[in-house]
Amino acid sequence: MPIYEYECRKCGKRFEKIQSFSDKPINKCNDCGGPAHRVISVPAIQFKGTGWYVTDYARKGKLSEKKEESAESRESPAREKESKAAAGN
């Protein structure tokens, strides 16, 4: 069940309530009885399980440089042939 955050319009106090999705929102503050409204807040994200490692994400720097070098080395034989052919003409 999700945790909802509420704020009282009268006293300004914030409080949380565990509720089902189908439950009606709370309208009154538990402390002063003033009108309360649901606040939209940033949820907490928790990754569980295997596979969440630093190596799973793309790194900038050495790894990307290696990829660029390998891409250039794959293209270079074709470029060498073209440059030799152009030099021979």
Protein backbone atom coordinates (compact mmCIF):
# COMPACT_ATOMS: atom_id res chain seq x y z
CA MET A 1 0.00 0.00 0.00
CA PRO A 2 1.26 3.47 -0.81
CA ILE A 3 2.13 6.14 1.73
CA TYR A 4 0.38 9.44 1.06
CA GLU A 5 1.59 12.77 2.39
CA TYR A 6 -0.88 15.41 3.57
CA GLU A 7 -0.55 19.03 4.63
CA CYS A 8 -2.89 21.02 6.85
CA ARG A 9 -3.93 24.37 5.38
CA LYS A 10 -4.55 25.82 8.84
CA CYS A 11 -1.50 24.84 10.93
CA GLY A 12 0.86 23.83 8.07
CA LYS A 13 1.74 20.47 9.62
CA ARG A 14 2.66 17.65 7.23
CA PHE A 15 1.78 14.05 8.01
CA GLU A 16 1.79 10.70 6.24
CA LYS A 17 -0.90 8.06 6.01
CA ILE A 18 -0.72 4.51 4.62
CA GLN A 19 -3.81 4.06 2.48
CA SER A 20 -5.14 1.81 -0.22
CA PHE A 21 -5.60 3.21 -3.71
CA SER A 22 -9.36 3.02 -3.27
CA ASP A 23 -9.44 4.87 0.10
CA LYS A 24 -10.82 8.40 0.12
CA PRO A 25 -8.33 11.19 0.81
CA ILE A 26 -8.16 12.64 4.31
CA ASN A 27 -9.92 16.00 4.64
CA LYS A 28 -9.08 16.98 8.23
CA CYS A 29 -5.84 17.47 10.15
CA ASN A 30 -5.38 15.07 13.07
CA ASP A 31 -3.95 17.84 15.31
CA CYS A 32 -6.03 20.98 14.77
CA GLY A 33 -8.99 19.68 12.74
CA GLY A 34 -8.30 22.15 9.91
CA PRO A 35 -8.66 21.31 6.24
CA ALA A 36 -5.94 19.04 4.86
CA HIS A 37 -4.95 18.24 1.29
CA ARG A 38 -2.81 15.56 -0.34
CA VAL A 39 0.67 16.69 -1.34
CA ILE A 40 2.47 15.35 -4.38
CA SER A 41 5.98 14.39 -3.37
CA VAL A 42 8.94 12.59 -4.91
CA PRO A 43 8.71 8.83 -4.39
CA ALA A 44 11.60 6.79 -3.06
CA ILE A 45 13.02 4.30 -5.55
CA GLN A 46 14.63 1.13 -4.34
CA PHE A 47 16.35 -1.26 -6.74
CA LYS A 48 16.34 -4.85 -5.55
CA GLY A 49 17.79 -7.96 -7.05
CA THR A 50 20.89 -8.82 -9.00
CA GLY A 51 22.30 -6.87 -11.89
CA TRP A 52 22.34 -3.35 -10.46
CA TYR A 53 26.02 -2.60 -10.58
CA VAL A 54 28.15 0.33 -11.64
CA THR A 55 29.31 -1.69 -14.63
CA ASP A 56 25.73 -1.85 -15.95
CA TYR A 57 25.76 1.83 -16.90
CA ALA A 58 27.61 3.47 -19.75
CA ARG A 59 30.75 5.20 -18.62
CA LYS A 60 32.33 8.20 -20.21
CA GLY A 61 36.06 8.35 -20.55
CA LYS A 62 38.25 5.31 -21.10
CA LEU A 63 35.46 2.96 -22.18
CA SER A 64 34.03 5.35 -24.78
CA GLU A 65 37.55 6.12 -26.07
CA LYS A 66 38.18 2.40 -26.58
CA LYS A 67 34.95 2.08 -28.55
CA GLU A 68 35.94 5.00 -30.78
CA GLU A 69 39.41 3.51 -31.36
CA SER A 70 37.98 0.12 -32.30
CA ALA A 71 35.52 1.76 -34.70
CA GLU A 72 38.38 3.66 -36.35
CA SER A 73 40.50 0.52 -36.66
CA ARG A 74 37.65 -1.26 -38.42
CA GLU A 75 37.36 1.57 -40.95
CA SER A 76 41.08 2.18 -41.48
CA PRO A 77 41.88 -0.74 -43.90
CA ALA A 78 39.27 0.52 -46.36
CA ARG A 79 40.55 4.07 -46.03
CA GLU A 80 44.16 2.91 -46.55
CA LYS A 81 43.19 1.22 -49.81
CA GLU A 82 41.40 4.38 -50.99
CA SER A 83 44.38 6.62 -50.10
CA LYS A 84 46.84 4.22 -51.85
CA ALA A 85 44.64 4.13 -54.94
CA ALA A 86 44.42 7.92 -54.98
CA ALA A 87 48.21 8.23 -54.56
CA GLY A 88 48.83 5.80 -57.42
CA ASN A 89 46.79 7.88 -59.90
